[in-house]
Amino acid sequence: MNPGVQPQAHDRSDDVVPIRRALLSVHDKQGLLDLAHALAAGGVELLASGGSRQAIAAAGLAVREVADYTGQPEVLGGRVKTLHPKIHAGILARRHVPADLETLTESGFPLIDLVVVNLYPFEATIARSGATLAEAIENIDIGGPSLIRGAAKNHASVAVMTRPDQYPAFIAGFQTTGGSTLAERRALALAAFTATAAYDRAISAYLARAFTAPDAAATARFPARLDLQFALRQPLRYGENPQQDAAFYVETAPGGPNLATAVLRHGKELSYNNLLDLDSALKLVRQFALPAACILKHNNPCGAAVADDLATAFERAYEGDPLSAFGGIVGLNRPVDLATALRMAQPGRFIEAVVAPGFDADAIECLTTRPTWKNSVRLLDLGGPLAPGQAGPTGFDLRRVEGGLLVQGWDEIEPDPAAGVCPTRVKPTAAQRADLDFAWRVCAAVKSNAIVIAGGGQIHGVGAGQMSRLDSVRIAAAKAGPHAQGAVLASDAFFPFRDGPDAAAAAGVAAIIQPGGSKRDQETIDACDEHGLAMVFTGRRHFRH
């Protein structure tokens, strides 16, 4: 028997397993040659197939084709190439079990100490416009997951890598030890099983959609089993309160621009509460085509406005409730220019964080050199434009409860809410319809029971989170003060009694927008007619609990 194929147990007293033979079969060639050069320099025999072998050979390195190694050419157009006992026995053999090693010796199957595999791009294939079911099926990797799982199962002796970003640290360790440590192999095995689990989930989810008949779409909306895959973005200092641990996880394909794709350009790390507020601010300013600004406190907008330029929009948003705006979270739907930065940095104003689709260099300098808060303001750059009407978030809106998970579709604002039914004698003017549209979009971002009084594309008063809708009206009216005269009012759900419209009329409100649908709608209509108010029913509620 050729001595070169004799299996050998490692002979070190520590947990380092020498690497004498490696199998490399990757779709993503990034970093492959750096890894291959390092292994070859360490005397490792390289096995590879297809494009991986060609790339390594082209770099002038000795590499053995898998088909030559096994004595079995690829078959079925490449569907079967690494599925061979000589490969899998060399990976799965237990180095501490004499019978396993004897079997390898008798069969002429050498040990394989390192497996480097990444998988066919199934998710990228199905994400491509026009991708067919047949294309998706062909991009379901079979041999790759088998190699990965076998190596990960036998991590006591075999190292496995599934991503190019794992190579540099591995190379550094290999150049020091000539092998892999148990700690390395355990970490890589965990990453490997995580990768194959995510891969299988993506396939399962796609096929569940592809195999569902059109007339069953409604029942298939929610799968029988919900598998979620999120990656740790960063640990957070704490949660809503200091005694709560917290972290930020992101989707494997988060789309964007959103918080998962944004870059912190300045300031301390974002907190759990910062992220909640920033997400709400982003959802709100995304609603508007005009330059828009909002200021959030405790997940409610205390100010919001649109204008012809961003600086004016911010100033009008801040004027909505200057007292509450102190220490707020600012959301903007345009890149921050110097004029807007100067408004934010005025004496007496303090801002916790700003999220925007970009920052001009002079705006960053202005915001980060203000002595009183230069070290605390956080600037979050979305890295891309916000366009009204662009695709919303994918998947489901999720909320944890004890013992389970509540799942729902995302709450999306209707395209033209002010174009709803107007049951009152007085009809809203064109200017009032524009304000009703603005107030309605802001109201959907307010905690229920929610009331927003607005005018001229600017918030004047917000009543949020009250147990009584009438109390929310009164709070919003008190916040608006004289600005309520001639303004409009939005209510996120119907008025159960006429007392809400009565209070709005007493404050000077001229038009109301609400879903309608109450048993006492007629009483509400009668109240508006008595006070000379216009009212629009949208037919759609926007509770935010």
Protein backbone atom coordinates (compact mmCIF):
# COMPACT_ATOMS: atom_id res chain seq x y z
CA MET A 1 0.00 0.00 0.00
CA ASN A 2 1.23 3.50 -0.81
CA PRO A 3 2.60 5.00 2.43
CA GLY A 4 1.19 8.36 1.33
CA VAL A 5 -2.34 7.22 2.02
CA GLN A 6 -1.70 5.72 5.44
CA PRO A 7 -3.95 7.38 8.05
CA GLN A 8 -2.07 8.75 11.03
CA ALA A 9 -3.40 9.79 14.40
CA HIS A 10 -2.01 13.09 15.63
CA ASP A 11 0.81 12.64 18.11
CA ARG A 12 0.64 15.83 20.16
CA SER A 13 -0.17 15.95 23.83
CA ASP A 14 -2.10 19.21 23.53
CA ASP A 15 -5.35 19.81 21.64
CA VAL A 16 -3.70 20.95 18.40
CA VAL A 17 -4.48 18.66 15.45
CA PRO A 18 -1.88 18.92 12.67
CA ILE A 19 -3.25 19.69 9.23
CA ARG A 20 -1.74 17.39 6.62
CA ARG A 21 -4.54 17.30 4.07
CA ALA A 22 -7.23 19.85 3.19
CA LEU A 23 -10.27 19.75 0.92
CA LEU A 24 -11.23 23.07 -0.68
CA SER A 25 -14.46 23.39 -2.66
CA VAL A 26 -15.86 26.92 -2.68
CA HIS A 27 -18.27 28.92 -4.78
CA ASP A 28 -17.02 32.24 -3.39
CA LYS A 29 -13.32 32.41 -4.33
CA GLN A 30 -12.58 35.47 -2.18
CA GLY A 31 -9.48 34.80 -0.07
CA LEU A 32 -9.07 31.29 -1.47
CA LEU A 33 -5.59 31.80 -2.88
CA ASP A 34 -4.28 33.39 0.33
CA LEU A 35 -5.51 30.36 2.23
CA ALA A 36 -4.14 27.90 -0.34
CA HIS A 37 -0.71 29.58 -0.32
CA ALA A 38 -0.54 29.45 3.48
CA LEU A 39 -1.54 25.78 3.58
CA ALA A 40 0.86 24.81 0.81
CA ALA A 41 3.69 26.65 2.55
CA GLY A 42 2.94 24.53 5.62
CA GLY A 43 3.26 21.29 3.66
CA VAL A 44 -0.47 20.57 3.43
CA GLU A 45 -1.72 18.41 0.55
CA LEU A 46 -4.51 20.28 -1.26
CA LEU A 47 -7.57 18.58 -2.73
CA ALA A 48 -10.08 20.60 -4.75
CA SER A 49 -12.72 20.28 -7.42
CA GLY A 50 -13.96 22.30 -10.37
CA GLY A 51 -13.35 26.01 -10.29
CA SER A 52 -11.55 25.85 -6.95
CA ARG A 53 -8.94 23.48 -8.37
CA GLN A 54 -8.53 25.59 -11.49
CA ALA A 55 -7.97 28.78 -9.48
CA ILE A 56 -5.41 27.13 -7.20
CA ALA A 57 -3.56 25.47 -10.06
CA ALA A 58 -3.49 28.75 -12.00
CA ALA A 59 -1.72 30.29 -9.02
CA GLY A 60 1.09 27.76 -9.48
CA LEU A 61 0.24 25.60 -6.47
CA ALA A 62 0.17 21.81 -6.40
CA VAL A 63 -3.45 20.68 -6.06
CA ARG A 64 -5.09 17.32 -6.66
CA GLU A 65 -8.42 17.05 -8.44
CA VAL A 66 -11.04 15.31 -6.29
CA ALA A 67 -11.98 13.00 -9.17
CA ASP A 68 -8.37 11.85 -9.46
CA TYR A 69 -8.18 11.41 -5.69
CA THR A 70 -11.29 9.24 -5.49
CA GLY A 71 -10.86 7.52 -8.85
CA GLN A 72 -14.45 8.45 -9.66
CA PRO A 73 -15.14 11.16 -12.26
CA GLU A 74 -17.91 13.67 -11.67
CA VAL A 75 -21.29 12.40 -12.87
CA LEU A 76 -24.74 13.84 -13.57
CA GLY A 77 -23.33 17.09 -14.85
CA GLY A 78 -21.45 17.76 -11.62
CA ARG A 79 -24.32 16.95 -9.27
CA VAL A 80 -22.16 14.17 -7.80
CA LYS A 81 -18.46 14.82 -7.26
CA THR A 82 -17.54 14.88 -3.56
CA LEU A 83 -20.16 12.35 -2.42
CA HIS A 84 -17.67 9.48 -2.16
CA PRO A 85 -16.67 7.16 0.74
CA LYS A 86 -13.00 8.07 0.38
CA ILE A 87 -13.86 11.73 1.04
CA HIS A 88 -16.42 11.30 3.81
CA ALA A 89 -14.60 8.47 5.60
CA GLY A 90 -11.45 10.61 5.70
CA ILE A 91 -13.48 13.42 7.29
CA LEU A 92 -15.63 11.40 9.70
CA ALA A 93 -13.08 8.90 11.02
CA ARG A 94 -12.61 9.19 14.79
CA ARG A 95 -8.91 9.59 15.45
CA HIS A 96 -9.19 8.07 18.94
CA VAL A 97 -11.02 4.91 17.75
CA PRO A 98 -8.50 2.27 16.53
CA ALA A 99 -11.13 0.42 14.50
CA ASP A 100 -11.87 3.59 12.48
CA LEU A 101 -8.19 4.05 11.70
CA GLU A 102 -7.79 0.39 10.78
CA THR A 103 -10.72 0.67 8.37
CA LEU A 104 -9.12 3.65 6.67
CA THR A 105 -5.81 1.82 6.38
CA GLU A 106 -7.45 -1.27 4.87
CA SER A 107 -9.44 0.86 2.42
CA GLY A 108 -6.61 3.20 1.48
CA PHE A 109 -8.57 6.24 2.68
CA PRO A 110 -6.33 9.04 4.05
CA LEU A 111 -7.44 11.40 6.80
CA ILE A 112 -8.71 14.84 5.85
CA ASP A 113 -7.97 17.42 8.56
CA LEU A 114 -9.49 20.59 7.08
CA VAL A 115 -12.63 21.17 5.01
CA VAL A 116 -13.24 24.54 3.36
CA VAL A 117 -16.62 24.81 1.66
CA ASN A 118 -19.12 27.52 0.91
CA LEU A 119 -22.42 26.77 -0.69
CA TYR A 120 -24.18 27.38 -3.99
CA PRO A 121 -25.78 30.86 -3.89
CA PHE A 122 -29.36 29.73 -3.35
CA GLU A 123 -30.53 32.94 -1.65
CA ALA A 124 -28.88 35.15 -4.26
CA THR A 125 -30.51 33.08 -7.01
CA ILE A 126 -34.05 33.38 -5.68
CA ALA A 127 -33.55 37.10 -4.96
CA ARG A 128 -32.82 37.74 -8.65
CA SER A 129 -35.74 39.11 -10.63
CA GLY A 130 -37.21 36.47 -12.92
CA ALA A 131 -35.48 33.52 -11.24
CA THR A 132 -37.31 30.28 -12.05
CA LEU A 133 -38.10 27.32 -9.85
CA ALA A 134 -35.78 25.17 -11.98
CA GLU A 135 -32.89 27.60 -11.38
CA ALA A 136 -33.59 27.59 -7.66
CA ILE A 137 -33.61 23.79 -7.55
CA GLU A 138 -30.25 23.58 -9.35
CA ASN A 139 -28.77 25.96 -6.77
CA ILE A 140 -29.67 23.69 -3.86
CA ASP A 141 -26.27 22.42 -2.77
CA ILE A 142 -26.08 18.76 -1.73
CA GLY A 143 -22.42 17.80 -1.50
CA GLY A 144 -21.43 21.05 0.21
CA PRO A 145 -23.72 20.73 3.24
CA SER A 146 -22.74 17.06 3.56
CA LEU A 147 -19.06 17.95 3.73
CA ILE A 148 -19.69 20.80 6.14
CA ARG A 149 -21.88 18.75 8.47
CA GLY A 150 -19.47 15.81 8.45
CA ALA A 151 -16.49 18.01 9.33
CA ALA A 152 -18.47 19.93 11.96
CA LYS A 153 -19.69 16.69 13.53
CA ASN A 154 -16.10 15.45 13.78
CA HIS A 155 -14.75 18.79 15.06
CA ALA A 156 -12.79 16.91 17.72
CA SER A 157 -10.28 16.30 14.93
CA VAL A 158 -11.36 18.22 11.83
CA ALA A 159 -11.57 21.97 11.19
CA VAL A 160 -14.21 23.38 8.85
CA MET A 161 -14.60 26.85 7.36
CA THR A 162 -17.65 28.14 5.52
CA ARG A 163 -16.89 31.86 5.00
CA PRO A 164 -13.92 33.79 3.58
CA ASP A 165 -13.86 36.13 6.58
CA GLN A 166 -12.79 33.15 8.72
CA TYR A 167 -9.58 32.60 6.73
CA PRO A 168 -7.26 35.33 8.11
CA ALA A 169 -7.54 34.28 11.76
CA PHE A 170 -7.22 30.62 10.79
CA ILE A 171 -4.11 31.31 8.70
CA ALA A 172 -2.50 33.16 11.60
CA GLY A 173 -3.16 30.25 13.95
CA PHE A 174 -2.01 27.65 11.44
CA GLN A 175 1.26 29.48 10.81
CA THR A 176 1.92 29.37 14.56
CA THR A 177 0.84 25.82 15.39
CA GLY A 178 0.82 23.93 12.09
CA GLY A 179 -2.70 22.83 12.87
CA SER A 180 -5.95 23.84 14.58
CA THR A 181 -6.82 24.11 18.25
CA LEU A 182 -9.89 22.60 19.86
CA ALA A 183 -11.23 26.08 20.63
CA GLU A 184 -10.89 27.00 16.95
CA ARG A 185 -12.55 23.82 15.79
CA ARG A 186 -15.47 24.23 18.18
CA ALA A 187 -16.10 27.83 17.10
CA LEU A 188 -15.87 26.88 13.44
CA ALA A 189 -18.17 23.87 13.92
CA LEU A 190 -20.81 26.05 15.53
CA ALA A 191 -20.56 28.55 12.67
CA ALA A 192 -20.82 25.67 10.19
CA PHE A 193 -24.00 24.22 11.67
CA THR A 194 -25.45 27.74 11.85
CA ALA A 195 -24.68 28.21 8.15
CA THR A 196 -26.29 24.95 7.04
CA ALA A 197 -29.33 25.58 9.24
CA ALA A 198 -29.83 29.02 7.66
CA TYR A 199 -29.36 27.53 4.20
CA ASP A 200 -32.01 24.87 4.82
CA ARG A 201 -34.41 27.45 6.25
CA ALA A 202 -34.06 29.58 3.12
CA ILE A 203 -34.78 26.56 0.89
CA SER A 204 -37.76 25.49 3.00
CA ALA A 205 -39.28 28.98 3.02
CA TYR A 206 -38.85 29.36 -0.74
CA LEU A 207 -40.35 25.98 -1.57
CA ALA A 208 -43.26 26.60 0.80
CA ARG A 209 -44.11 29.64 -1.31
CA ALA A 210 -43.35 28.01 -4.65
CA PHE A 211 -45.42 24.89 -3.96
CA THR A 212 -48.46 26.75 -2.62
CA ALA A 213 -51.40 27.00 -5.00
CA PRO A 214 -52.57 30.59 -5.70
CA ASP A 215 -55.99 29.97 -4.14
CA ALA A 216 -54.26 28.86 -0.92
CA ALA A 217 -52.19 32.04 -0.60
CA ALA A 218 -54.24 33.37 2.29
CA THR A 219 -53.78 30.29 4.43
CA ALA A 220 -50.11 30.06 3.43
CA ARG A 221 -49.47 33.63 4.60
CA PHE A 222 -48.39 32.27 7.95
CA PRO A 223 -46.28 29.10 7.82
CA ALA A 224 -47.01 26.14 10.09
CA ARG A 225 -43.57 26.64 11.62
CA LEU A 226 -41.82 30.00 11.83
CA ASP A 227 -38.03 29.79 11.73
CA LEU A 228 -36.14 33.04 12.24
CA GLN A 229 -32.54 33.85 11.42
CA PHE A 230 -30.92 37.01 12.76
CA ALA A 231 -27.22 37.75 13.21
CA LEU A 232 -25.75 39.55 16.21
CA ARG A 233 -24.89 43.11 15.15
CA GLN A 234 -23.74 44.30 18.55
CA PRO A 235 -24.33 43.90 22.28
CA LEU A 236 -25.93 46.95 23.90
CA ARG A 237 -25.02 48.50 27.25
CA TYR A 238 -28.44 47.52 28.59
CA GLY A 239 -32.09 47.34 27.59
CA GLU A 240 -34.98 49.65 28.39
CA ASN A 241 -33.64 49.74 31.95
CA PRO A 242 -30.13 49.21 33.35
CA GLN A 243 -31.00 45.86 34.92
CA GLN A 244 -31.94 44.36 31.52
CA ASP A 245 -29.35 42.79 29.20
CA ALA A 246 -29.76 43.71 25.54
CA ALA A 247 -28.35 43.24 22.05
CA PHE A 248 -29.15 44.25 18.45
CA TYR A 249 -29.67 41.44 15.93
CA VAL A 250 -30.18 42.01 12.21
CA GLU A 251 -31.71 40.04 9.38
CA THR A 252 -29.35 38.09 7.15
CA ALA A 253 -30.70 40.13 4.21
CA PRO A 254 -31.87 43.37 5.85
CA GLY A 255 -32.62 45.32 2.67
CA GLY A 256 -32.35 48.98 3.46
CA PRO A 257 -31.70 51.70 4.01
CA ASN A 258 -32.59 50.97 7.63
CA LEU A 259 -30.96 50.68 11.06
CA ALA A 260 -29.38 47.35 10.16
CA THR A 261 -27.48 48.88 7.24
CA ALA A 262 -26.76 52.29 8.80
CA VAL A 263 -23.33 53.47 9.92
CA LEU A 264 -22.68 55.43 13.11
CA ARG A 265 -20.68 58.43 11.91
CA HIS A 266 -20.16 59.99 15.34
CA GLY A 267 -20.96 59.56 19.00
CA LYS A 268 -21.34 56.88 21.61
CA GLU A 269 -22.79 53.48 20.80
CA LEU A 270 -26.54 53.53 20.37
CA SER A 271 -28.70 52.28 23.22
CA TYR A 272 -31.73 49.99 23.11
CA ASN A 273 -34.08 52.96 23.57
CA ASN A 274 -32.17 55.01 20.96
CA LEU A 275 -32.70 52.25 18.40
CA LEU A 276 -36.42 52.01 19.13
CA ASP A 277 -36.84 55.77 18.69
CA LEU A 278 -34.61 55.95 15.62
CA ASP A 279 -36.61 53.19 13.94
CA SER A 280 -39.88 55.02 14.60
CA ALA A 281 -38.39 58.29 13.36
CA LEU A 282 -37.20 56.61 10.19
CA LYS A 283 -40.61 55.08 9.51
CA LEU A 284 -42.25 58.49 9.94
CA VAL A 285 -40.03 60.67 7.73
CA ARG A 286 -40.03 57.97 5.06
CA GLN A 287 -43.71 58.83 4.50
CA PHE A 288 -43.11 62.22 2.90
CA ALA A 289 -41.93 63.39 -0.53
CA LEU A 290 -41.11 66.91 0.67
CA PRO A 291 -38.13 67.50 2.98
CA ALA A 292 -39.34 66.25 6.36
CA ALA A 293 -38.15 66.26 9.95
CA CYS A 294 -39.47 64.71 13.12
CA ILE A 295 -38.44 64.68 16.77
CA LEU A 296 -39.29 61.70 18.95
CA LYS A 297 -39.41 61.31 22.71
CA HIS A 298 -40.27 57.97 24.32
CA ASN A 299 -41.25 56.54 20.92
CA ASN A 300 -43.78 59.29 20.18
CA PRO A 301 -43.33 62.25 17.82
CA CYS A 302 -43.47 65.52 19.75
CA GLY A 303 -42.66 67.45 16.58
CA ALA A 304 -42.88 66.84 12.84
CA ALA A 305 -43.03 69.04 9.77
CA VAL A 306 -42.49 69.24 6.04
CA ALA A 307 -41.15 72.24 4.13
CA ASP A 308 -39.43 73.22 0.91
CA ASP A 309 -36.01 72.79 2.54
CA LEU A 310 -34.70 70.59 5.34
CA ALA A 311 -33.57 73.39 7.66
CA THR A 312 -37.05 74.90 7.68
CA ALA A 313 -38.65 71.50 8.17
CA PHE A 314 -36.45 70.88 11.23
CA GLU A 315 -37.14 74.32 12.69
CA ARG A 316 -40.90 73.88 12.32
CA ALA A 317 -40.69 70.37 13.82
CA TYR A 318 -38.78 71.74 16.82
CA GLU A 319 -41.34 74.54 17.26
CA GLY A 320 -44.09 71.93 17.62
CA ASP A 321 -43.10 71.26 21.24
CA PRO A 322 -39.73 72.83 22.19
CA LEU A 323 -39.98 71.67 25.79
CA SER A 324 -40.43 68.01 24.87
CA ALA A 325 -37.89 68.22 22.05
CA PHE A 326 -34.98 68.66 24.47
CA GLY A 327 -32.97 65.43 24.41
CA GLY A 328 -35.03 64.05 21.53
CA ILE A 329 -34.27 61.79 18.59
CA VAL A 330 -34.28 63.54 15.20
CA GLY A 331 -35.28 61.85 11.95
CA LEU A 332 -34.67 63.50 8.57
CA ASN A 333 -35.44 62.30 5.04
CA ARG A 334 -32.71 64.32 3.30
CA PRO A 335 -28.93 64.50 3.83
CA VAL A 336 -28.07 66.95 6.60
CA ASP A 337 -26.62 70.19 5.24
CA LEU A 338 -24.91 72.98 7.17
CA ALA A 339 -28.06 75.11 7.38
CA THR A 340 -29.93 72.28 9.10
CA ALA A 341 -26.99 71.49 11.38
CA LEU A 342 -26.83 75.14 12.49
CA ARG A 343 -30.53 75.00 13.44
CA MET A 344 -30.00 71.82 15.46
CA ALA A 345 -26.91 73.25 17.20
CA GLN A 346 -28.52 76.48 18.41
CA PRO A 347 -27.81 77.35 22.07
CA GLY A 348 -30.24 75.76 24.50
CA ARG A 349 -31.02 72.84 22.20
CA PHE A 350 -29.88 69.31 22.97
CA ILE A 351 -30.32 66.36 20.62
CA GLU A 352 -29.60 62.75 21.56
CA ALA A 353 -29.28 61.27 18.06
CA VAL A 354 -29.91 62.05 14.42
CA VAL A 355 -30.78 59.57 11.66
CA ALA A 356 -30.57 60.76 8.05
CA PRO A 357 -29.63 59.51 4.56
CA GLY A 358 -26.25 61.25 4.74
CA PHE A 359 -24.36 64.17 6.34
CA ASP A 360 -22.40 66.90 4.57
CA ALA A 361 -18.85 67.30 5.90
CA ASP A 362 -19.47 70.82 7.24
CA ALA A 363 -22.68 69.62 8.92
CA ILE A 364 -20.73 66.90 10.77
CA GLU A 365 -18.12 69.44 11.85
CA CYS A 366 -20.84 71.77 13.12
CA LEU A 367 -22.66 69.05 15.06
CA THR A 368 -19.55 67.45 16.55
CA THR A 369 -17.73 70.58 17.72
CA ARG A 370 -20.56 72.05 19.78
CA PRO A 371 -18.94 72.16 23.28
CA THR A 372 -21.96 71.13 25.32
CA TRP A 373 -22.84 67.98 23.40
CA LYS A 374 -20.09 67.24 20.89
CA ASN A 375 -19.21 63.96 22.60
CA SER A 376 -22.76 62.74 23.10
CA VAL A 377 -24.70 63.41 19.89
CA ARG A 378 -24.99 60.29 17.76
CA LEU A 379 -25.08 60.66 13.97
CA LEU A 380 -26.50 57.67 12.14
CA ASP A 381 -25.99 57.64 8.37
CA LEU A 382 -28.42 55.46 6.41
CA GLY A 383 -26.07 55.48 3.43
CA GLY A 384 -28.86 55.73 0.88
CA PRO A 385 -31.82 57.92 -0.09
CA LEU A 386 -35.28 57.59 1.40
CA ALA A 387 -38.00 57.56 -1.21
CA PRO A 388 -41.71 57.73 -0.36
CA GLY A 389 -43.52 54.66 -1.57
CA GLN A 390 -40.39 52.52 -1.71
CA ALA A 391 -40.75 48.89 -0.66
CA GLY A 392 -41.41 48.51 3.02
CA PRO A 393 -39.91 45.95 5.38
CA THR A 394 -40.05 42.30 4.38
CA GLY A 395 -41.34 39.40 6.43
CA PHE A 396 -43.47 39.96 9.49
CA ASP A 397 -43.84 42.39 12.35
CA LEU A 398 -42.95 40.34 15.43
CA ARG A 399 -43.61 40.86 19.11
CA ARG A 400 -42.62 38.56 21.92
CA VAL A 401 -45.07 37.51 24.64
CA GLU A 402 -44.55 35.03 27.45
CA GLY A 403 -44.65 31.55 25.95
CA GLY A 404 -44.91 32.65 22.34
CA LEU A 405 -44.64 35.17 19.56
CA LEU A 406 -47.28 37.45 18.04
CA VAL A 407 -46.92 37.78 14.27
CA GLN A 408 -48.63 40.25 11.96
CA GLY A 409 -48.15 42.02 8.66
CA TRP A 410 -46.63 45.49 8.67
CA ASP A 411 -49.01 48.43 9.08
CA GLU A 412 -48.76 50.40 5.85
CA ILE A 413 -50.35 53.80 5.26
CA GLU A 414 -52.86 54.01 2.45
CA PRO A 415 -51.69 56.05 -0.59
CA ASP A 416 -54.22 58.91 -0.30
CA PRO A 417 -55.96 58.83 3.08
CA ALA A 418 -57.58 62.26 2.71
CA ALA A 419 -59.44 61.04 -0.38
CA GLY A 420 -61.76 58.95 1.82
CA VAL A 421 -65.49 59.37 2.34
CA CYS A 422 -66.64 62.80 3.56
CA PRO A 423 -70.05 62.35 5.26
CA THR A 424 -70.34 65.93 6.58
CA ARG A 425 -72.03 68.88 4.93
CA VAL A 426 -68.80 70.89 4.99
CA LYS A 427 -66.11 69.48 2.73
CA PRO A 428 -62.38 69.96 3.37
CA THR A 429 -60.55 72.48 1.21
CA ALA A 430 -57.53 71.44 -0.84
CA ALA A 431 -55.23 72.92 1.81
CA GLN A 432 -57.09 71.07 4.55
CA ARG A 433 -56.84 67.80 2.63
CA ALA A 434 -53.07 68.23 2.44
CA ASP A 435 -52.96 68.82 6.20
CA LEU A 436 -55.28 65.87 6.86
CA ASP A 437 -52.93 63.65 4.86
CA PHE A 438 -49.95 64.95 6.86
CA ALA A 439 -51.68 64.60 10.23
CA TRP A 440 -52.89 61.08 9.39
CA ARG A 441 -49.38 59.87 8.54
CA VAL A 442 -47.98 61.34 11.75
CA CYS A 443 -50.86 59.93 13.80
CA ALA A 444 -49.98 56.40 12.66
CA ALA A 445 -46.60 56.87 14.39
CA VAL A 446 -48.18 57.86 17.74
CA LYS A 447 -49.00 55.41 20.52
CA SER A 448 -52.74 54.71 20.87
CA ASN A 449 -55.05 56.30 21.76
CA ALA A 450 -53.53 58.82 19.34
CA ILE A 451 -54.65 62.33 18.42
CA VAL A 452 -52.63 64.77 16.29
CA ILE A 453 -53.49 68.42 15.62
CA ALA A 454 -51.61 69.92 12.69
CA GLY A 455 -51.68 72.75 10.20
CA GLY A 456 -49.53 73.98 7.36
CA GLY A 457 -47.56 70.73 7.29
CA GLN A 458 -46.58 71.04 10.95
CA ILE A 459 -47.55 69.33 14.20
CA HIS A 460 -49.13 71.65 16.76
CA GLY A 461 -50.22 69.17 19.41
CA VAL A 462 -50.11 65.43 20.15
CA GLY A 463 -52.15 63.40 22.59
CA ALA A 464 -50.57 59.95 22.97
CA GLY A 465 -51.12 56.72 24.85
CA GLN A 466 -54.19 57.72 26.84
CA MET A 467 -56.82 55.25 27.99
CA SER A 468 -59.55 57.69 26.93
CA ARG A 469 -59.63 59.13 23.42
CA LEU A 470 -61.28 62.24 24.82
CA ASP A 471 -58.27 62.76 27.11
CA SER A 472 -55.98 62.47 24.08
CA VAL A 473 -58.01 65.19 22.31
CA ARG A 474 -57.78 67.46 25.34
CA ILE A 475 -54.01 66.94 25.67
CA ALA A 476 -53.43 67.61 21.97
CA ALA A 477 -55.60 70.74 22.13
CA ALA A 478 -53.75 72.00 25.22
CA LYS A 479 -50.41 71.43 23.47
CA ALA A 480 -51.61 73.22 20.34
CA GLY A 481 -53.06 76.20 22.17
CA PRO A 482 -53.98 79.00 19.75
CA HIS A 483 -52.46 77.04 16.86
CA ALA A 484 -55.52 74.77 16.98
CA GLN A 485 -57.61 77.57 15.41
CA GLY A 486 -58.31 76.47 11.83
CA ALA A 487 -56.09 73.39 12.16
CA VAL A 488 -56.96 69.76 11.41
CA LEU A 489 -57.16 66.76 13.73
CA ALA A 490 -56.33 63.11 13.08
CA SER A 491 -57.52 60.21 15.24
CA ASP A 492 -55.95 56.77 14.79
CA ALA A 493 -59.28 55.00 15.51
CA PHE A 494 -62.94 55.96 15.45
CA PHE A 495 -64.58 58.24 18.02
CA PRO A 496 -66.91 56.11 20.16
CA PHE A 497 -68.87 59.22 21.21
CA ARG A 498 -69.36 62.75 19.93
CA ASP A 499 -67.46 64.22 22.89
CA GLY A 500 -64.17 64.02 20.98
CA PRO A 501 -65.33 66.12 18.02
CA ASP A 502 -67.08 68.49 20.44
CA ALA A 503 -63.78 69.07 22.26
CA ALA A 504 -61.95 69.49 18.94
CA ALA A 505 -64.44 72.10 17.79
CA ALA A 506 -64.13 73.94 21.09
CA ALA A 507 -60.38 74.16 20.55
CA GLY A 508 -60.90 75.67 17.07
CA VAL A 509 -60.20 72.63 14.87
CA ALA A 510 -61.71 72.97 11.38
CA ALA A 511 -61.45 69.44 9.95
CA ILE A 512 -61.10 65.87 11.24
CA ILE A 513 -59.79 62.64 9.73
CA GLN A 514 -60.57 59.27 11.35
CA PRO A 515 -61.30 55.68 10.29
CA GLY A 516 -65.01 55.70 11.05
CA GLY A 517 -66.82 52.47 11.75
CA SER A 518 -68.36 53.23 15.15
CA LYS A 519 -71.99 52.38 15.95
CA ARG A 520 -72.29 56.08 16.82
CA ASP A 521 -70.73 57.44 13.64
CA GLN A 522 -73.91 59.36 12.91
CA GLU A 523 -73.67 61.16 16.26
CA THR A 524 -70.11 62.16 15.34
CA ILE A 525 -71.26 63.34 11.91
CA ASP A 526 -74.08 65.34 13.50
CA ALA A 527 -71.63 66.96 15.94
CA CYS A 528 -69.34 68.02 13.07
CA ASP A 529 -72.30 69.41 11.12
CA GLU A 530 -73.42 71.38 14.18
CA HIS A 531 -69.96 72.92 14.57
CA GLY A 532 -69.35 73.41 10.84
CA LEU A 533 -66.45 70.93 10.72
CA ALA A 534 -65.40 68.85 7.75
CA MET A 535 -64.69 65.17 8.45
CA VAL A 536 -63.13 62.37 6.37
CA PHE A 537 -63.52 58.65 7.02
CA THR A 538 -60.53 56.62 5.83
CA GLY A 539 -62.01 53.19 6.59
CA ARG A 540 -58.64 52.09 7.97
CA ARG A 541 -57.36 52.09 11.56
CA HIS A 542 -53.74 52.58 12.66
CA PHE A 543 -53.47 51.47 16.29
CA ARG A 544 -49.95 51.43 17.66
CA HIS A 545 -49.76 49.53 20.94
